[in-house]
C-alpha atoms as a PDB file:
ATOM      1  CA  MET A   1       6.702  16.384  -5.632  1.00  0.00           C
ATOM      2  CA  SER A   2       4.538  18.308  -7.140  1.00  0.00           C
ATOM      3  CA  VAL A   3       1.253  17.483  -9.619  1.00  0.00           C
ATOM      4  CA  SER A   4       0.114  20.461 -12.025  1.00  0.00           C
ATOM      5  CA  VAL A   5      -3.295  20.353 -12.700  1.00  0.00           C
ATOM      6  CA  SER A   6      -4.783  21.168 -15.917  1.00  0.00           C
ATOM      7  CA  GLY A   7      -8.178  20.999 -18.067  1.00  0.00           C
ATOM      8  CA  LEU A   8     -10.746  22.269 -14.880  1.00  0.00           C
ATOM      9  CA  ARG A   9     -14.104  23.218 -16.820  1.00  0.00           C
ATOM     10  CA  ASN A  10     -14.831  25.908 -13.893  1.00  0.00           C
ATOM     11  CA  MET A  11     -13.297  27.677 -10.452  1.00  0.00           C
ATOM     12  CA  LYS A  12     -16.569  26.044  -8.121  1.00  0.00           C
ATOM     13  CA  GLY A  13     -15.504  23.689  -5.421  1.00  0.00           C
ATOM     14  CA  ASN A  14     -12.028  21.880  -4.385  1.00  0.00           C
ATOM     15  CA  VAL A  15      -9.381  20.012  -6.565  1.00  0.00           C
ATOM     16  CA  LEU A  16      -8.681  16.700  -4.451  1.00  0.00           C
ATOM     17  CA  VAL A  17      -5.558  15.057  -4.532  1.00  0.00           C
ATOM     18  CA  CYS A  18      -4.528  11.433  -3.501  1.00  0.00           C
ATOM     19  CA  VAL A  19      -1.267   9.807  -3.517  1.00  0.00           C
ATOM     20  CA  THR A  20      -0.370   5.855  -2.659  1.00  0.00           C
ATOM     21  CA  ALA A  21       2.626   3.659  -3.192  1.00  0.00           C
ATOM     22  CA  ASN A  22      -0.033   0.851  -2.378  1.00  0.00           C
ATOM     23  CA  PRO A  23      -1.632  -0.782  -5.201  1.00  0.00           C
ATOM     24  CA  LYS A  24      -4.599  -2.141  -3.273  1.00  0.00           C
ATOM     25  CA  PHE A  25      -5.305   1.977  -1.995  1.00  0.00           C
ATOM     26  CA  PHE A  26      -5.687   2.906  -5.487  1.00  0.00           C
ATOM     27  CA  PRO A  27      -7.578   5.074  -7.030  1.00  0.00           C
ATOM     28  CA  ASN A  28      -9.217   5.670  -3.663  1.00  0.00           C
ATOM     29  CA  CYS A  29      -6.321   6.206  -1.179  1.00  0.00           C
ATOM     30  CA  SER A  30      -8.141   7.879   1.278  1.00  0.00           C
ATOM     31  CA  LYS A  31      -8.083   4.911   3.725  1.00  0.00           C
ATOM     32  CA  ASP A  32      -4.250   4.052   2.944  1.00  0.00           C
ATOM     33  CA  PRO A  33      -2.773   5.593   6.324  1.00  0.00           C
ATOM     34  CA  ASN A  34       0.744   6.152   4.634  1.00  0.00           C
ATOM     35  CA  SER A  35      -1.244   7.971   1.274  1.00  0.00           C
ATOM     36  CA  HIS A  36      -0.343  11.950   1.040  1.00  0.00           C
ATOM     37  CA  ARG A  37      -3.817  13.701   0.345  1.00  0.00           C
ATOM     38  CA  ALA A  38      -3.895  17.480  -0.279  1.00  0.00           C
ATOM     39  CA  ARG A  39      -7.247  19.551  -0.936  1.00  0.00           C
ATOM     40  CA  VAL A  40      -7.213  23.260  -2.249  1.00  0.00           C
ATOM     41  CA  ALA A  41      -9.395  25.189  -3.806  1.00  0.00           C
ATOM     42  CA  ALA A  42     -10.167  24.772  -7.943  1.00  0.00           C
ATOM     43  CA  ARG A  43      -9.123  28.540  -8.469  1.00  0.00           C
ATOM     44  CA  ASN A  44      -5.376  27.931  -6.585  1.00  0.00           C
ATOM     45  CA  SER A  45      -5.021  24.168  -7.980  1.00  0.00           C
ATOM     46  CA  SER A  46      -2.559  24.846 -10.841  1.00  0.00           C
ATOM     47  CA  THR A  47       0.288  22.915  -9.097  1.00  0.00           C
ATOM     48  CA  ILE A  48      -0.193  21.132  -5.875  1.00  0.00           C
ATOM     49  CA  ARG A  49       2.910  20.220  -3.834  1.00  0.00           C
ATOM     50  CA  PHE A  50       4.105  17.378  -1.523  1.00  0.00           C
ATOM     51  CA  ASP A  51       6.747  17.746   1.069  1.00  0.00           C
ATOM     52  CA  GLY A  52       8.218  14.528   2.608  1.00  0.00           C
ATOM     53  CA  VAL A  53       7.578  11.953  -0.241  1.00  0.00           C
ATOM     54  CA  ALA A  54       9.992   9.120   0.362  1.00  0.00           C
ATOM     55  CA  PRO A  55      11.518   7.982  -3.245  1.00  0.00           C
ATOM     56  CA  GLY A  56       9.585   4.855  -4.275  1.00  0.00           C
ATOM     57  CA  THR A  57       6.407   4.112  -7.133  1.00  0.00           C
ATOM     58  CA  TYR A  58       3.451   5.647  -6.646  1.00  0.00           C
ATOM     59  CA  ALA A  59      -0.105   6.619  -8.379  1.00  0.00           C
ATOM     60  CA  ALA A  60      -2.068   9.994  -8.146  1.00  0.00           C
ATOM     61  CA  SER A  61      -5.905  10.235  -8.452  1.00  0.00           C
ATOM     62  CA  LEU A  62      -7.514  13.279  -8.761  1.00  0.00           C
ATOM     63  CA  MET A  63     -11.509  14.656  -8.359  1.00  0.00           C
ATOM     64  CA  HIS A  64     -12.381  17.779  -9.051  1.00  0.00           C
ATOM     65  CA  ASP A  65     -15.088  17.938  -6.419  1.00  0.00           C
ATOM     66  CA  GLU A  66     -17.301  20.441  -7.911  1.00  0.00           C
ATOM     67  CA  ASN A  67     -19.834  20.660  -4.970  1.00  0.00           C
ATOM     68  CA  GLY A  68     -17.570  20.367  -2.264  1.00  0.00           C
ATOM     69  CA  ASN A  69     -19.326  17.048  -0.806  1.00  0.00           C
ATOM     70  CA  ASP A  70     -15.918  15.171  -0.358  1.00  0.00           C
ATOM     71  CA  LYS A  71     -17.016  12.223  -2.968  1.00  0.00           C
ATOM     72  CA  LEU A  72     -17.516  11.976  -6.844  1.00  0.00           C
ATOM     73  CA  ASP A  73     -21.108  12.211  -7.807  1.00  0.00           C
ATOM     74  CA  MET A  74     -22.330   9.416 -10.324  1.00  0.00           C
ATOM     75  CA  ALA A  75     -25.083   9.622 -12.448  1.00  0.00           C
ATOM     76  CA  ILE A  76     -25.772   5.834 -13.453  1.00  0.00           C
ATOM     77  CA  MET A  77     -22.550   4.851 -13.155  1.00  0.00           C
ATOM     78  CA  ILE A  78     -20.862   7.892 -14.798  1.00  0.00           C
ATOM     79  CA  PRO A  79     -18.700  10.372 -12.904  1.00  0.00           C
ATOM     80  CA  ARG A  80     -20.599  13.405 -12.684  1.00  0.00           C
ATOM     81  CA  GLU A  81     -17.677  15.458 -11.711  1.00  0.00           C
ATOM     82  CA  GLY A  82     -13.934  15.579 -13.190  1.00  0.00           C
ATOM     83  CA  PHE A  83     -11.252  13.317 -12.248  1.00  0.00           C
ATOM     84  CA  GLY A  84      -7.465  12.470 -13.625  1.00  0.00           C
ATOM     85  CA  PHE A  85      -4.970  10.432 -13.260  1.00  0.00           C
ATOM     86  CA  SER A  86      -0.883  10.687 -12.803  1.00  0.00           C
ATOM     87  CA  ARG A  87       0.254   9.793 -16.261  1.00  0.00           C
ATOM     88  CA  ASN A  88      -2.894  10.208 -17.701  1.00  0.00           C
ATOM     89  CA  PRO A  89      -3.646   6.805 -18.901  1.00  0.00           C
ATOM     90  CA  ALA A  90      -6.668   6.155 -21.045  1.00  0.00           C
ATOM     91  CA  VAL A  91      -9.755   5.705 -19.018  1.00  0.00           C
ATOM     92  CA  VAL A  92     -12.567   3.645 -20.840  1.00  0.00           C
ATOM     93  CA  THR A  93     -14.667   1.175 -18.663  1.00  0.00           C
ATOM     94  CA  GLY A  94     -13.648   2.248 -14.940  1.00  0.00           C
ATOM     95  CA  PRO A  95     -11.027   3.610 -13.360  1.00  0.00           C
ATOM     96  CA  PRO A  96      -6.944   2.227 -14.745  1.00  0.00           C
ATOM     97  CA  LYS A  97      -4.788   0.454 -12.743  1.00  0.00           C
ATOM     98  CA  PHE A  98      -2.234   1.471 -10.604  1.00  0.00           C
ATOM     99  CA  LYS A  99       0.545   0.075 -13.003  1.00  0.00           C
ATOM    100  CA  SER A 100      -0.738   2.790 -15.721  1.00  0.00           C
ATOM    101  CA  ALA A 101      -0.474   5.792 -13.421  1.00  0.00           C
ATOM    102  CA  ALA A 102       2.682   4.456 -11.830  1.00  0.00           C
ATOM    103  CA  PHE A 103       5.867   6.801 -11.508  1.00  0.00           C
ATOM    104  CA  VAL A 104       9.015   6.816  -9.922  1.00  0.00           C
ATOM    105  CA  VAL A 105       9.876   9.492  -7.099  1.00  0.00           C
ATOM    106  CA  SER A 106      13.629  10.141  -6.463  1.00  0.00           C
ATOM    107  CA  ALA A 107      14.827  11.757  -3.475  1.00  0.00           C
ATOM    108  CA  GLY A 108      11.997  13.786  -3.442  1.00  0.00           C
ATOM    109  CA  THR A 109      11.905  15.387  -6.979  1.00  0.00           C
ATOM    110  CA  ALA A 110       9.025  14.128  -9.213  1.00  0.00           C
ATOM    111  CA  SER A 111       6.089  16.210 -10.928  1.00  0.00           C
ATOM    112  CA  GLN A 112       3.206  14.576 -12.625  1.00  0.00           C
ATOM    113  CA  SER A 113       1.086  17.189 -15.437  1.00  0.00           C
ATOM    114  CA  VAL A 114      -2.724  15.695 -14.951  1.00  0.00           C
ATOM    115  CA  LYS A 115      -5.334  17.013 -17.332  1.00  0.00           C
ATOM    116  CA  MET A 116      -9.023  16.500 -15.821  1.00  0.00           C
ATOM    117  CA  LYS A 117     -11.506  14.527 -17.618  1.00  0.00           C
ATOM    118  CA  TYR A 118     -14.845  14.419 -17.625  1.00  0.00           C
ATOM    119  CA  MET A 119     -17.931  12.362 -18.833  1.00  0.00           C
ATOM    120  CA  LEU A 120     -20.785  14.569 -18.269  1.00  0.00           C
END
């Protein structure tokens, strides 16, 4: 399975990717013991590959951690750093639901193209 990233506003910091099959852990799947996670330097983040992903329905969340502090920095409830989700659902007031970002992996093959969004 792979996730292609586009629309980064700069090459600072890292891109954090979290893929989960559990709606309870979306979009922050860092506490899901069965999630697939990756941290790559922003300059190397065009395509991120995950091996060993079992067939099923998943959703991916991405964050452009420009300052490398491993969290999405906020300014009065508005993200200061970039974010994105599988299937690129519309983001209006808060993150999308799992269903809006869900995609199917069959026999370990799937690819998603995620365009990063920036609010500030």
